[in-house]
Amino acid sequence: MRVKLFIATVDVLYAKLISDNISEYHADKIDVSICSALESLQEELSKRRYDAALIDPVLIEYADISRINLPLILWAETETTGILPEGLKKINKYQRISAIVSSILEQYSKMSGDKYEQDSGQAKITAVWSPAGGVGKTTVAMSYALSSAADGKEVFYLNLEDFTSVPGYFSGNGKSISTVFEMLENQSGNVKMLIQGVSCCDKGITYLCAPDNYEDLCILSSENIHELVTECAKLASELVIDLSSSCDIRTKKAFELANDVLIVISPAVSSNIKLDQFLTQNNVFESIKEKVTLVANKGATVKNTAIDSIISLPYIQSNDVIETCKMLAENTFAV
C-alpha cells in the first residue's frame, strides 16, 4: 500500500522539488500528486480521494478537505494568513523532505485500519544470538547486515536487546522504536506504515532507533514480537534480528520466525560453558537445530560438534566497532 498524497501549493519551485524528491526516494511509500493553481484545485480533488494532503494556507479555504483523510497545512514561519480551520495539524515546509514523509506516514498510520497487506513480500529472517554476553554478537549481526547490503539486498536491522546497541553502530537520531511498541500494545493502526515512517537508514541498512526506556521492550508479549517481526520483514529482502543473551519470549519467538539462527561464541571459557548448557539442557535447541549456524568469533575454537554448520571469524584488533564490522563483512563474513 502506498499513501496517496496530494500537495497543493502556489510555490511552483517547491512543488517540483518535493515531487521530484518523493518520486526518486520514496516512491515505494508515497504516490504523489501536485496542484499549483487555484483554478484547478477543486477539479483535482473531485477526481479522486486522497489519503493525505499538504495544503498551502492561502489555498486551504478553497480545498474540499472532506475528500482527504489526513489534511495537513504546509506551514512556514513567515506565513501571515489569518484564521485557519480548527483541528488541522501543521507540517513545517522548510525541513528535510524525508522528515516530511516520515511525519505523514507516522500520522496516517495511526488512523489507518489496514493493518495487514496480503500482497507484501517477506524477507529472509536471520536471528543473531548468544547464550553469553561480550562475545561480539552485535558486531556479528552488523557484519552480516553490511555483507547482505553489499550484495545488493534491502536490509532491515531490528535490535531487540534488553539494552540496545543501536546508538553505537548507527549515526541517525530518528524517532524511538517505542512509538511502534505503543501501537502494538494498543492493537490499532497500520504497524508497517508506522515502521516505514519512523525508521532510519545508515550504511545502506534500515533500522529503528533505541526505545525511550528499558520497560518499553520488556512489556511486549509474544504476539507483539510476532507482529513486529512480521511487519519489519515486509519492508526488506533481509531482516537481521539482534537478540539479548537471555532465552526469553522474545528470543524464542524470533527463533520460531527465523529462517536462519546465528549463535555466536568467543574464546572465553564461559562462552563455551554456556553454549554447552544451551545445547544439552534447553529443549529450544532441538526445535531450531536444522537452521542453526555456529559463529566462532574472535578466533574462537569450536569444541562442541552438535552444530554442523560453522563459520570461523578472525580476531580483529581495533577499537573502532564500525571498522571491525566492515572488515568482517568485506573479507571473511559469508553465510
C-alpha atoms as a PDB file:
ATOM      1  CA  MET A   1       0.000   0.000   0.000  1.00  0.00           C
ATOM      2  CA  ARG A   2       1.252   3.474  -0.957  1.00  0.00           C
ATOM      3  CA  VAL A   3      -0.169   6.592   0.647  1.00  0.00           C
ATOM      4  CA  LYS A   4      -1.942   8.761  -1.937  1.00  0.00           C
ATOM      5  CA  LEU A   5      -0.590  12.240  -1.175  1.00  0.00           C
ATOM      6  CA  PHE A   6      -1.975  15.461  -2.637  1.00  0.00           C
ATOM      7  CA  ILE A   7       0.205  18.590  -2.456  1.00  0.00           C
ATOM      8  CA  ALA A   8      -1.443  21.942  -3.136  1.00  0.00           C
ATOM      9  CA  THR A   9       0.975  24.855  -3.160  1.00  0.00           C
ATOM     10  CA  VAL A  10       1.381  28.054  -5.162  1.00  0.00           C
ATOM     11  CA  ASP A  11       5.149  27.744  -4.776  1.00  0.00           C
ATOM     12  CA  VAL A  12       5.913  26.087  -8.124  1.00  0.00           C
ATOM     13  CA  LEU A  13       9.628  25.578  -7.445  1.00  0.00           C
ATOM     14  CA  TYR A  14       8.905  23.953  -4.089  1.00  0.00           C
ATOM     15  CA  ALA A  15       6.235  21.755  -5.686  1.00  0.00           C
ATOM     16  CA  LYS A  16       8.753  20.449  -8.218  1.00  0.00           C
ATOM     17  CA  LEU A  17      11.431  19.954  -5.559  1.00  0.00           C
ATOM     18  CA  ILE A  18       9.237  17.893  -3.241  1.00  0.00           C
ATOM     19  CA  SER A  19       7.593  15.970  -6.067  1.00  0.00           C
ATOM     20  CA  ASP A  20      10.926  15.016  -7.651  1.00  0.00           C
ATOM     21  CA  ASN A  21      12.403  14.014  -4.292  1.00  0.00           C
ATOM     22  CA  ILE A  22       9.445  11.814  -3.327  1.00  0.00           C
ATOM     23  CA  SER A  23       9.364  10.212  -6.780  1.00  0.00           C
ATOM     24  CA  GLU A  24      13.082   9.407  -6.605  1.00  0.00           C
ATOM     25  CA  TYR A  25      13.491   8.354  -2.969  1.00  0.00           C
ATOM     26  CA  HIS A  26      10.052   7.497  -1.548  1.00  0.00           C
ATOM     27  CA  ALA A  27       8.048   6.119  -4.472  1.00  0.00           C
ATOM     28  CA  ASP A  28       7.591   2.807  -2.655  1.00  0.00           C
ATOM     29  CA  LYS A  29       5.739   4.613   0.133  1.00  0.00           C
ATOM     30  CA  ILE A  30       4.094   7.665  -1.452  1.00  0.00           C
ATOM     31  CA  ASP A  31       2.010   8.200  -4.596  1.00  0.00           C
ATOM     32  CA  VAL A  32       2.224  11.973  -5.024  1.00  0.00           C
ATOM     33  CA  SER A  33       0.006  14.373  -6.995  1.00  0.00           C
ATOM     34  CA  ILE A  34       0.708  18.104  -7.317  1.00  0.00           C
ATOM     35  CA  CYS A  35      -1.559  21.107  -7.828  1.00  0.00           C
ATOM     36  CA  SER A  36      -0.091  24.604  -8.143  1.00  0.00           C
ATOM     37  CA  ALA A  37      -3.072  26.548  -9.463  1.00  0.00           C
ATOM     38  CA  LEU A  38      -6.155  27.674  -7.556  1.00  0.00           C
ATOM     39  CA  GLU A  39      -8.403  27.284 -10.592  1.00  0.00           C
ATOM     40  CA  SER A  40      -7.636  23.546 -10.873  1.00  0.00           C
ATOM     41  CA  LEU A  41      -7.705  22.757  -7.148  1.00  0.00           C
ATOM     42  CA  GLN A  42     -11.329  21.661  -6.884  1.00  0.00           C
ATOM     43  CA  GLU A  43     -11.148  19.755 -10.143  1.00  0.00           C
ATOM     44  CA  GLU A  44      -8.143  17.732  -8.932  1.00  0.00           C
ATOM     45  CA  LEU A  45      -9.809  16.947  -5.608  1.00  0.00           C
ATOM     46  CA  SER A  46     -13.035  15.867  -7.326  1.00  0.00           C
ATOM     47  CA  LYS A  47     -11.218  13.249  -9.402  1.00  0.00           C
ATOM     48  CA  ARG A  48     -10.169  11.013  -6.506  1.00  0.00           C
ATOM     49  CA  ARG A  49      -9.991  10.734  -2.746  1.00  0.00           C
ATOM     50  CA  TYR A  50      -6.608  11.175  -1.076  1.00  0.00           C
ATOM     51  CA  ASP A  51      -5.098   9.573   1.998  1.00  0.00           C
ATOM     52  CA  ALA A  52      -3.194  12.728   2.965  1.00  0.00           C
ATOM     53  CA  ALA A  53      -2.624  16.254   1.687  1.00  0.00           C
ATOM     54  CA  LEU A  54      -0.212  19.133   2.242  1.00  0.00           C
ATOM     55  CA  ILE A  55      -2.022  22.396   1.507  1.00  0.00           C
ATOM     56  CA  ASP A  56      -0.754  25.976   1.479  1.00  0.00           C
ATOM     57  CA  PRO A  57      -2.566  28.222   3.999  1.00  0.00           C
ATOM     58  CA  VAL A  58      -3.627  30.507   1.132  1.00  0.00           C
ATOM     59  CA  LEU A  59      -5.387  27.584  -0.568  1.00  0.00           C
ATOM     60  CA  ILE A  60      -6.934  25.838   2.409  1.00  0.00           C
ATOM     61  CA  GLU A  61     -10.255  27.708   2.276  1.00  0.00           C
ATOM     62  CA  TYR A  62     -10.739  26.667  -1.360  1.00  0.00           C
ATOM     63  CA  ALA A  63      -9.956  22.984  -0.797  1.00  0.00           C
ATOM     64  CA  ASP A  64     -12.657  20.411  -0.110  1.00  0.00           C
ATOM     65  CA  ILE A  65     -10.861  18.659   2.730  1.00  0.00           C
ATOM     66  CA  SER A  66     -13.720  16.181   3.089  1.00  0.00           C
ATOM     67  CA  ARG A  67     -12.030  14.396   0.174  1.00  0.00           C
ATOM     68  CA  ILE A  68      -8.869  13.940   2.239  1.00  0.00           C
ATOM     69  CA  ASN A  69      -8.418  11.551   5.167  1.00  0.00           C
ATOM     70  CA  LEU A  70      -5.476  13.440   6.634  1.00  0.00           C
ATOM     71  CA  PRO A  71      -5.380  17.129   5.588  1.00  0.00           C
ATOM     72  CA  LEU A  72      -2.251  18.950   6.769  1.00  0.00           C
ATOM     73  CA  ILE A  73      -1.209  22.589   6.438  1.00  0.00           C
ATOM     74  CA  LEU A  74       2.111  23.185   4.682  1.00  0.00           C
ATOM     75  CA  TRP A  75       3.381  25.812   7.062  1.00  0.00           C
ATOM     76  CA  ALA A  76       6.237  28.312   7.005  1.00  0.00           C
ATOM     77  CA  GLU A  77       7.053  30.613   9.910  1.00  0.00           C
ATOM     78  CA  THR A  78       6.737  33.617   7.599  1.00  0.00           C
ATOM     79  CA  GLU A  79       3.070  32.867   6.872  1.00  0.00           C
ATOM     80  CA  THR A  80       0.730  35.798   7.561  1.00  0.00           C
ATOM     81  CA  THR A  81      -2.504  34.036   6.666  1.00  0.00           C
ATOM     82  CA  GLY A  82      -5.371  34.779   9.033  1.00  0.00           C
ATOM     83  CA  ILE A  83      -7.728  32.280  10.628  1.00  0.00           C
ATOM     84  CA  LEU A  84      -7.196  28.646   9.666  1.00  0.00           C
ATOM     85  CA  PRO A  85      -9.648  25.746  10.113  1.00  0.00           C
ATOM     86  CA  GLU A  86      -9.597  24.303  13.613  1.00  0.00           C
ATOM     87  CA  GLY A  87      -8.069  20.901  14.208  1.00  0.00           C
ATOM     88  CA  LEU A  88      -5.734  20.840  11.232  1.00  0.00           C
ATOM     89  CA  LYS A  89      -2.139  19.999  12.039  1.00  0.00           C
ATOM     90  CA  LYS A  90       0.779  21.830  10.511  1.00  0.00           C
ATOM     91  CA  ILE A  91       3.888  20.426   8.858  1.00  0.00           C
ATOM     92  CA  ASN A  92       6.952  22.629   8.616  1.00  0.00           C
ATOM     93  CA  LYS A  93       7.576  23.372   4.942  1.00  0.00           C
ATOM     94  CA  TYR A  94      11.275  24.046   5.298  1.00  0.00           C
ATOM     95  CA  GLN A  95      12.722  20.819   6.644  1.00  0.00           C
ATOM     96  CA  ARG A  96      14.216  17.719   5.102  1.00  0.00           C
ATOM     97  CA  ILE A  97      11.713  16.125   2.743  1.00  0.00           C
ATOM     98  CA  SER A  98      12.492  12.746   4.275  1.00  0.00           C
ATOM     99  CA  ALA A  99      11.303  14.169   7.610  1.00  0.00           C
ATOM    100  CA  ILE A 100       8.077  15.384   5.976  1.00  0.00           C
ATOM    101  CA  VAL A 101       7.476  11.921   4.507  1.00  0.00           C
ATOM    102  CA  SER A 102       8.205  10.331   7.877  1.00  0.00           C
ATOM    103  CA  SER A 103       5.741  12.608   9.655  1.00  0.00           C
ATOM    104  CA  ILE A 104       2.983  11.943   7.098  1.00  0.00           C
ATOM    105  CA  LEU A 105       3.418   8.171   7.349  1.00  0.00           C
ATOM    106  CA  GLU A 106       3.501   8.264  11.139  1.00  0.00           C
ATOM    107  CA  GLN A 107       0.342  10.350  11.408  1.00  0.00           C
ATOM    108  CA  TYR A 108      -1.540   8.412   8.745  1.00  0.00           C
ATOM    109  CA  SER A 109      -0.561   5.030  10.200  1.00  0.00           C
ATOM    110  CA  LYS A 110      -2.356   5.893  13.442  1.00  0.00           C
ATOM    111  CA  MET A 111      -5.658   6.468  11.684  1.00  0.00           C
ATOM    112  CA  SER A 112      -5.408   3.644   9.173  1.00  0.00           C
ATOM    113  CA  GLY A 113      -7.194   0.416   9.963  1.00  0.00           C
ATOM    114  CA  ASP A 114      -5.433  -1.546   7.237  1.00  0.00           C
ATOM    115  CA  LYS A 115      -3.028  -3.437   9.500  1.00  0.00           C
ATOM    116  CA  TYR A 116      -2.115  -6.272   7.161  1.00  0.00           C
ATOM    117  CA  GLU A 117      -1.343  -6.229   3.475  1.00  0.00           C
ATOM    118  CA  GLN A 118      -1.633  -9.568   1.726  1.00  0.00           C
ATOM    119  CA  ASP A 119       0.445  -8.529  -1.286  1.00  0.00           C
ATOM    120  CA  SER A 120       3.535  -7.650   0.745  1.00  0.00           C
ATOM    121  CA  GLY A 121       6.731  -9.661   0.371  1.00  0.00           C
ATOM    122  CA  GLN A 122       8.527 -11.456   3.152  1.00  0.00           C
ATOM    123  CA  ALA A 123      12.202 -11.061   3.975  1.00  0.00           C
ATOM    124  CA  LYS A 124      14.595 -13.844   4.810  1.00  0.00           C
ATOM    125  CA  ILE A 125      14.884 -13.584   8.596  1.00  0.00           C
ATOM    126  CA  THR A 126      18.211 -14.145  10.367  1.00  0.00           C
ATOM    127  CA  ALA A 127      18.284 -14.123  14.185  1.00  0.00           C
ATOM    128  CA  VAL A 128      21.650 -13.491  15.866  1.00  0.00           C
ATOM    129  CA  TRP A 129      22.001 -14.733  19.454  1.00  0.00           C
ATOM    130  CA  SER A 130      24.415 -16.000  22.077  1.00  0.00           C
ATOM    131  CA  PRO A 131      23.914 -17.587  25.491  1.00  0.00           C
ATOM    132  CA  ALA A 132      26.836 -15.479  26.746  1.00  0.00           C
ATOM    133  CA  GLY A 133      27.429 -11.742  26.794  1.00  0.00           C
ATOM    134  CA  GLY A 134      30.537  -9.996  25.499  1.00  0.00           C
ATOM    135  CA  VAL A 135      31.110 -12.386  22.591  1.00  0.00           C
ATOM    136  CA  GLY A 136      30.696  -9.737  19.871  1.00  0.00           C
ATOM    137  CA  LYS A 137      27.151 -10.741  18.971  1.00  0.00           C
ATOM    138  CA  THR A 138      26.092  -7.289  17.756  1.00  0.00           C
ATOM    139  CA  THR A 139      29.316  -6.932  15.787  1.00  0.00           C
ATOM    140  CA  VAL A 140      28.487 -10.217  14.049  1.00  0.00           C
ATOM    141  CA  ALA A 141      24.897  -9.077  13.424  1.00  0.00           C
ATOM    142  CA  MET A 142      26.090  -5.795  11.938  1.00  0.00           C
ATOM    143  CA  SER A 143      28.772  -7.525   9.863  1.00  0.00           C
ATOM    144  CA  TYR A 144      26.169  -9.867   8.423  1.00  0.00           C
ATOM    145  CA  ALA A 145      23.829  -6.921   7.716  1.00  0.00           C
ATOM    146  CA  LEU A 146      26.611  -4.972   5.983  1.00  0.00           C
ATOM    147  CA  SER A 147      27.595  -8.026   3.950  1.00  0.00           C
ATOM    148  CA  SER A 148      23.984  -8.527   2.838  1.00  0.00           C
ATOM    149  CA  ALA A 149      23.663  -4.836   1.916  1.00  0.00           C
ATOM    150  CA  ALA A 150      26.884  -5.066  -0.107  1.00  0.00           C
ATOM    151  CA  ASP A 151      25.297  -7.954  -2.023  1.00  0.00           C
ATOM    152  CA  GLY A 152      22.515  -5.605  -3.096  1.00  0.00           C
ATOM    153  CA  LYS A 153      19.879  -6.800  -0.638  1.00  0.00           C
ATOM    154  CA  GLU A 154      17.449  -4.471   1.120  1.00  0.00           C
ATOM    155  CA  VAL A 155      18.418  -4.992   4.761  1.00  0.00           C
ATOM    156  CA  PHE A 156      16.409  -4.202   7.883  1.00  0.00           C
ATOM    157  CA  TYR A 157      18.198  -4.431  11.246  1.00  0.00           C
ATOM    158  CA  LEU A 158      15.928  -4.966  14.254  1.00  0.00           C
ATOM    159  CA  ASN A 159      17.546  -4.690  17.683  1.00  0.00           C
ATOM    160  CA  LEU A 160      15.643  -6.495  20.466  1.00  0.00           C
ATOM    161  CA  GLU A 161      18.394  -6.438  23.103  1.00  0.00           C
ATOM    162  CA  ASP A 162      17.434  -5.598  26.672  1.00  0.00           C
ATOM    163  CA  PHE A 163      19.779  -2.617  26.452  1.00  0.00           C
ATOM    164  CA  THR A 164      20.189  -1.607  22.843  1.00  0.00           C
ATOM    165  CA  SER A 165      23.471  -1.193  20.972  1.00  0.00           C
ATOM    166  CA  VAL A 166      21.898   0.865  18.171  1.00  0.00           C
ATOM    167  CA  PRO A 167      23.452   4.263  19.069  1.00  0.00           C
ATOM    168  CA  GLY A 168      26.941   2.744  18.942  1.00  0.00           C
ATOM    169  CA  TYR A 169      26.569   1.461  15.395  1.00  0.00           C
ATOM    170  CA  PHE A 170      24.318   3.970  13.607  1.00  0.00           C
ATOM    171  CA  SER A 171      24.550   7.733  13.247  1.00  0.00           C
ATOM    172  CA  GLY A 172      20.843   8.524  12.844  1.00  0.00           C
ATOM    173  CA  ASN A 173      18.790  10.253  15.525  1.00  0.00           C
ATOM    174  CA  GLY A 174      15.242   9.459  14.478  1.00  0.00           C
ATOM    175  CA  LYS A 175      12.084   8.686  16.402  1.00  0.00           C
ATOM    176  CA  SER A 176      12.173   5.960  19.013  1.00  0.00           C
ATOM    177  CA  ILE A 177      11.044   2.388  18.375  1.00  0.00           C
ATOM    178  CA  SER A 178       8.786   2.998  21.380  1.00  0.00           C
ATOM    179  CA  THR A 179       6.245   4.629  19.047  1.00  0.00           C
ATOM    180  CA  VAL A 180       5.922   1.236  17.326  1.00  0.00           C
ATOM    181  CA  PHE A 181       5.682  -0.571  20.679  1.00  0.00           C
ATOM    182  CA  GLU A 182       2.818   1.725  21.673  1.00  0.00           C
ATOM    183  CA  MET A 183       0.853   0.873  18.535  1.00  0.00           C
ATOM    184  CA  LEU A 184       1.495  -2.850  19.063  1.00  0.00           C
ATOM    185  CA  GLU A 185       0.254  -2.609  22.645  1.00  0.00           C
ATOM    186  CA  ASN A 186      -2.878  -0.666  21.639  1.00  0.00           C
ATOM    187  CA  GLN A 187      -3.542  -3.060  18.741  1.00  0.00           C
ATOM    188  CA  SER A 188      -4.636  -0.260  16.443  1.00  0.00           C
ATOM    189  CA  GLY A 189      -3.294   1.352  13.297  1.00  0.00           C
ATOM    190  CA  ASN A 190      -1.038   0.276  10.461  1.00  0.00           C
ATOM    191  CA  VAL A 191       2.176  -1.035  12.037  1.00  0.00           C
ATOM    192  CA  LYS A 192       4.008  -1.474   8.749  1.00  0.00           C
ATOM    193  CA  MET A 193       3.323   2.109   7.711  1.00  0.00           C
ATOM    194  CA  LEU A 194       4.422   3.444  11.088  1.00  0.00           C
ATOM    195  CA  ILE A 195       7.669   1.487  10.864  1.00  0.00           C
ATOM    196  CA  GLN A 196       8.229   2.987   7.395  1.00  0.00           C
ATOM    197  CA  GLY A 197       7.625   6.430   8.858  1.00  0.00           C
ATOM    198  CA  VAL A 198       9.919   6.263  11.885  1.00  0.00           C
ATOM    199  CA  SER A 199      12.747   4.061  10.568  1.00  0.00           C
ATOM    200  CA  CYS A 200      16.148   5.493   9.629  1.00  0.00           C
ATOM    201  CA  CYS A 201      18.762   4.417   7.099  1.00  0.00           C
ATOM    202  CA  ASP A 202      22.532   4.389   7.563  1.00  0.00           C
ATOM    203  CA  LYS A 203      25.272   2.411   5.810  1.00  0.00           C
ATOM    204  CA  GLY A 204      22.648   1.015   3.460  1.00  0.00           C
ATOM    205  CA  ILE A 205      20.732  -0.545   6.366  1.00  0.00           C
ATOM    206  CA  THR A 206      17.256   0.395   7.570  1.00  0.00           C
ATOM    207  CA  TYR A 207      16.789   0.336  11.343  1.00  0.00           C
ATOM    208  CA  LEU A 208      14.704   1.586  14.256  1.00  0.00           C
ATOM    209  CA  CYS A 209      16.190   3.854  16.919  1.00  0.00           C
ATOM    210  CA  ALA A 210      16.527   2.966  20.597  1.00  0.00           C
ATOM    211  CA  PRO A 211      13.458   2.694  22.870  1.00  0.00           C
ATOM    212  CA  ASP A 212      12.682   5.512  25.283  1.00  0.00           C
ATOM    213  CA  ASN A 213      13.285   3.233  28.248  1.00  0.00           C
ATOM    214  CA  TYR A 214      14.039  -0.375  29.164  1.00  0.00           C
ATOM    215  CA  GLU A 215      10.476  -1.216  30.206  1.00  0.00           C
ATOM    216  CA  ASP A 216       9.073  -0.392  26.750  1.00  0.00           C
ATOM    217  CA  LEU A 217      10.665  -3.550  25.375  1.00  0.00           C
ATOM    218  CA  CYS A 218      10.145  -5.764  28.413  1.00  0.00           C
ATOM    219  CA  ILE A 219       6.351  -5.497  28.404  1.00  0.00           C
ATOM    220  CA  LEU A 220       5.965  -6.787  24.838  1.00  0.00           C
ATOM    221  CA  SER A 221       4.097 -10.073  24.546  1.00  0.00           C
ATOM    222  CA  SER A 222       4.972 -12.972  22.265  1.00  0.00           C
ATOM    223  CA  GLU A 223       2.148 -11.826  19.965  1.00  0.00           C
ATOM    224  CA  ASN A 224       3.616  -8.299  19.884  1.00  0.00           C
ATOM    225  CA  ILE A 225       7.016  -9.679  18.871  1.00  0.00           C
ATOM    226  CA  HIS A 226       5.397 -11.803  16.180  1.00  0.00           C
ATOM    227  CA  GLU A 227       3.661  -8.775  14.657  1.00  0.00           C
ATOM    228  CA  LEU A 228       6.734  -6.553  14.947  1.00  0.00           C
ATOM    229  CA  VAL A 229       8.992  -9.077  13.211  1.00  0.00           C
ATOM    230  CA  THR A 230       6.386  -9.893  10.564  1.00  0.00           C
ATOM    231  CA  GLU A 231       5.779  -6.240   9.677  1.00  0.00           C
ATOM    232  CA  CYS A 232       9.516  -5.427   9.556  1.00  0.00           C
ATOM    233  CA  ALA A 233      10.015  -8.439   7.284  1.00  0.00           C
ATOM    234  CA  LYS A 234       7.617  -6.886   4.760  1.00  0.00           C
ATOM    235  CA  LEU A 235       9.954  -3.935   4.281  1.00  0.00           C
ATOM    236  CA  ALA A 236      13.149  -5.661   3.164  1.00  0.00           C
ATOM    237  CA  SER A 237      14.626  -8.723   1.492  1.00  0.00           C
ATOM    238  CA  GLU A 238      16.781  -9.498   4.557  1.00  0.00           C
ATOM    239  CA  LEU A 239      15.760  -8.934   8.177  1.00  0.00           C
ATOM    240  CA  VAL A 240      18.502  -9.245  10.806  1.00  0.00           C
ATOM    241  CA  ILE A 241      17.284  -9.566  14.403  1.00  0.00           C
ATOM    242  CA  ASP A 242      19.843  -8.796  17.126  1.00  0.00           C
ATOM    243  CA  LEU A 243      18.766 -10.513  20.353  1.00  0.00           C
ATOM    244  CA  SER A 244      19.765 -10.352  24.009  1.00  0.00           C
ATOM    245  CA  SER A 245      21.674 -13.214  25.593  1.00  0.00           C
ATOM    246  CA  SER A 246      18.649 -14.330  27.578  1.00  0.00           C
ATOM    247  CA  CYS A 247      16.375 -17.067  26.248  1.00  0.00           C
ATOM    248  CA  ASP A 248      13.077 -15.290  26.900  1.00  0.00           C
ATOM    249  CA  ILE A 249       9.843 -14.958  24.914  1.00  0.00           C
ATOM    250  CA  ARG A 250      11.453 -12.501  22.508  1.00  0.00           C
ATOM    251  CA  THR A 251      14.265 -14.921  21.724  1.00  0.00           C
ATOM    252  CA  LYS A 252      12.001 -17.947  21.364  1.00  0.00           C
ATOM    253  CA  LYS A 253       9.573 -16.120  19.077  1.00  0.00           C
ATOM    254  CA  ALA A 254      12.452 -14.795  16.931  1.00  0.00           C
ATOM    255  CA  PHE A 255      13.872 -18.336  16.691  1.00  0.00           C
ATOM    256  CA  GLU A 256      10.468 -19.592  15.604  1.00  0.00           C
ATOM    257  CA  LEU A 257      10.097 -16.969  12.864  1.00  0.00           C
ATOM    258  CA  ALA A 258      13.711 -17.030  11.647  1.00  0.00           C
ATOM    259  CA  ASN A 259      14.922 -18.833   8.544  1.00  0.00           C
ATOM    260  CA  ASP A 260      18.453 -18.920   9.980  1.00  0.00           C
ATOM    261  CA  VAL A 261      19.815 -18.598  13.513  1.00  0.00           C
ATOM    262  CA  LEU A 262      23.418 -17.497  14.082  1.00  0.00           C
ATOM    263  CA  ILE A 263      24.713 -18.500  17.536  1.00  0.00           C
ATOM    264  CA  VAL A 264      27.879 -16.591  18.432  1.00  0.00           C
ATOM    265  CA  ILE A 265      30.682 -17.760  20.740  1.00  0.00           C
ATOM    266  CA  SER A 266      34.057 -16.279  21.702  1.00  0.00           C
ATOM    267  CA  PRO A 267      37.290 -17.823  23.062  1.00  0.00           C
ATOM    268  CA  ALA A 268      36.149 -17.102  26.641  1.00  0.00           C
ATOM    269  CA  VAL A 269      35.707 -20.230  28.786  1.00  0.00           C
ATOM    270  CA  SER A 270      32.303 -19.013  29.976  1.00  0.00           C
ATOM    271  CA  SER A 271      31.115 -18.748  26.374  1.00  0.00           C
ATOM    272  CA  ASN A 272      31.688 -22.446  25.684  1.00  0.00           C
ATOM    273  CA  ILE A 273      30.271 -23.489  29.058  1.00  0.00           C
ATOM    274  CA  LYS A 274      27.043 -21.569  28.438  1.00  0.00           C
ATOM    275  CA  LEU A 275      26.804 -22.882  24.883  1.00  0.00           C
ATOM    276  CA  ASP A 276      27.078 -26.467  26.182  1.00  0.00           C
ATOM    277  CA  GLN A 277      24.308 -25.773  28.673  1.00  0.00           C
ATOM    278  CA  PHE A 278      22.051 -24.410  25.948  1.00  0.00           C
ATOM    279  CA  LEU A 279      22.697 -27.368  23.657  1.00  0.00           C
ATOM    280  CA  THR A 280      22.184 -30.049  26.303  1.00  0.00           C
ATOM    281  CA  GLN A 281      19.755 -28.575  28.811  1.00  0.00           C
ATOM    282  CA  ASN A 282      17.359 -26.484  26.741  1.00  0.00           C
ATOM    283  CA  ASN A 283      14.740 -28.098  24.509  1.00  0.00           C
ATOM    284  CA  VAL A 284      14.689 -24.943  22.351  1.00  0.00           C
ATOM    285  CA  PHE A 285      17.834 -26.089  20.549  1.00  0.00           C
ATOM    286  CA  GLU A 286      16.224 -29.268  19.243  1.00  0.00           C
ATOM    287  CA  SER A 287      13.430 -27.242  17.652  1.00  0.00           C
ATOM    288  CA  ILE A 288      15.851 -24.958  15.753  1.00  0.00           C
ATOM    289  CA  LYS A 289      18.826 -27.269  15.190  1.00  0.00           C
ATOM    290  CA  GLU A 290      18.345 -27.511  11.426  1.00  0.00           C
ATOM    291  CA  LYS A 291      18.609 -23.757  10.924  1.00  0.00           C
ATOM    292  CA  VAL A 292      21.493 -23.003  13.320  1.00  0.00           C
ATOM    293  CA  THR A 293      24.948 -21.848  12.255  1.00  0.00           C
ATOM    294  CA  LEU A 294      27.633 -21.517  14.929  1.00  0.00           C
ATOM    295  CA  VAL A 295      29.745 -18.368  14.528  1.00  0.00           C
ATOM    296  CA  ALA A 296      33.116 -18.760  16.230  1.00  0.00           C
ATOM    297  CA  ASN A 297      34.059 -15.128  16.731  1.00  0.00           C
ATOM    298  CA  LYS A 298      37.399 -13.573  17.729  1.00  0.00           C
ATOM    299  CA  GLY A 299      39.312 -16.671  16.630  1.00  0.00           C
ATOM    300  CA  ALA A 300      37.363 -18.998  18.934  1.00  0.00           C
ATOM    301  CA  THR A 301      37.955 -22.759  18.768  1.00  0.00           C
ATOM    302  CA  VAL A 302      34.865 -24.917  18.345  1.00  0.00           C
ATOM    303  CA  LYS A 303      34.764 -27.729  20.895  1.00  0.00           C
ATOM    304  CA  ASN A 304      31.169 -28.889  20.543  1.00  0.00           C
ATOM    305  CA  THR A 305      30.175 -30.792  17.410  1.00  0.00           C
ATOM    306  CA  ALA A 306      26.389 -30.752  17.962  1.00  0.00           C
ATOM    307  CA  ILE A 307      26.119 -28.000  15.317  1.00  0.00           C
ATOM    308  CA  ASP A 308      27.147 -28.990  11.809  1.00  0.00           C
ATOM    309  CA  SER A 309      27.300 -25.538  10.172  1.00  0.00           C
ATOM    310  CA  ILE A 310      30.194 -23.444  11.477  1.00  0.00           C
ATOM    311  CA  ILE A 311      31.705 -20.088  10.489  1.00  0.00           C
ATOM    312  CA  SER A 312      35.072 -19.078  11.956  1.00  0.00           C
ATOM    313  CA  LEU A 313      35.818 -15.370  12.211  1.00  0.00           C
ATOM    314  CA  PRO A 314      39.283 -13.971  12.996  1.00  0.00           C
ATOM    315  CA  TYR A 315      40.144 -11.751  15.916  1.00  0.00           C
ATOM    316  CA  ILE A 316      40.464  -8.184  14.640  1.00  0.00           C
ATOM    317  CA  GLN A 317      42.339  -5.809  16.910  1.00  0.00           C
ATOM    318  CA  SER A 318      40.526  -2.498  16.583  1.00  0.00           C
ATOM    319  CA  ASN A 319      38.781  -0.126  18.954  1.00  0.00           C
ATOM    320  CA  ASP A 320      36.531   1.051  16.129  1.00  0.00           C
ATOM    321  CA  VAL A 321      33.491  -1.248  16.092  1.00  0.00           C
ATOM    322  CA  ILE A 322      32.285   0.030  12.724  1.00  0.00           C
ATOM    323  CA  GLU A 323      35.665  -0.615  11.126  1.00  0.00           C
ATOM    324  CA  THR A 324      35.666  -4.114  12.622  1.00  0.00           C
ATOM    325  CA  CYS A 325      32.201  -4.784  11.200  1.00  0.00           C
ATOM    326  CA  LYS A 326      33.251  -3.577   7.755  1.00  0.00           C
ATOM    327  CA  MET A 327      36.386  -5.727   7.762  1.00  0.00           C
ATOM    328  CA  LEU A 328      34.414  -8.828   8.714  1.00  0.00           C
ATOM    329  CA  ALA A 329      31.717  -8.060   6.169  1.00  0.00           C
ATOM    330  CA  GLU A 330      34.132  -7.410   3.316  1.00  0.00           C
ATOM    331  CA  ASN A 331      36.736 -10.079   3.899  1.00  0.00           C
ATOM    332  CA  THR A 332      35.560 -13.010   5.981  1.00  0.00           C
ATOM    333  CA  PHE A 333      31.848 -12.971   6.756  1.00  0.00           C
ATOM    334  CA  ALA A 334      29.759 -15.120   4.468  1.00  0.00           C
ATOM    335  CA  VAL A 335      26.871 -17.374   5.402  1.00  0.00           C
END
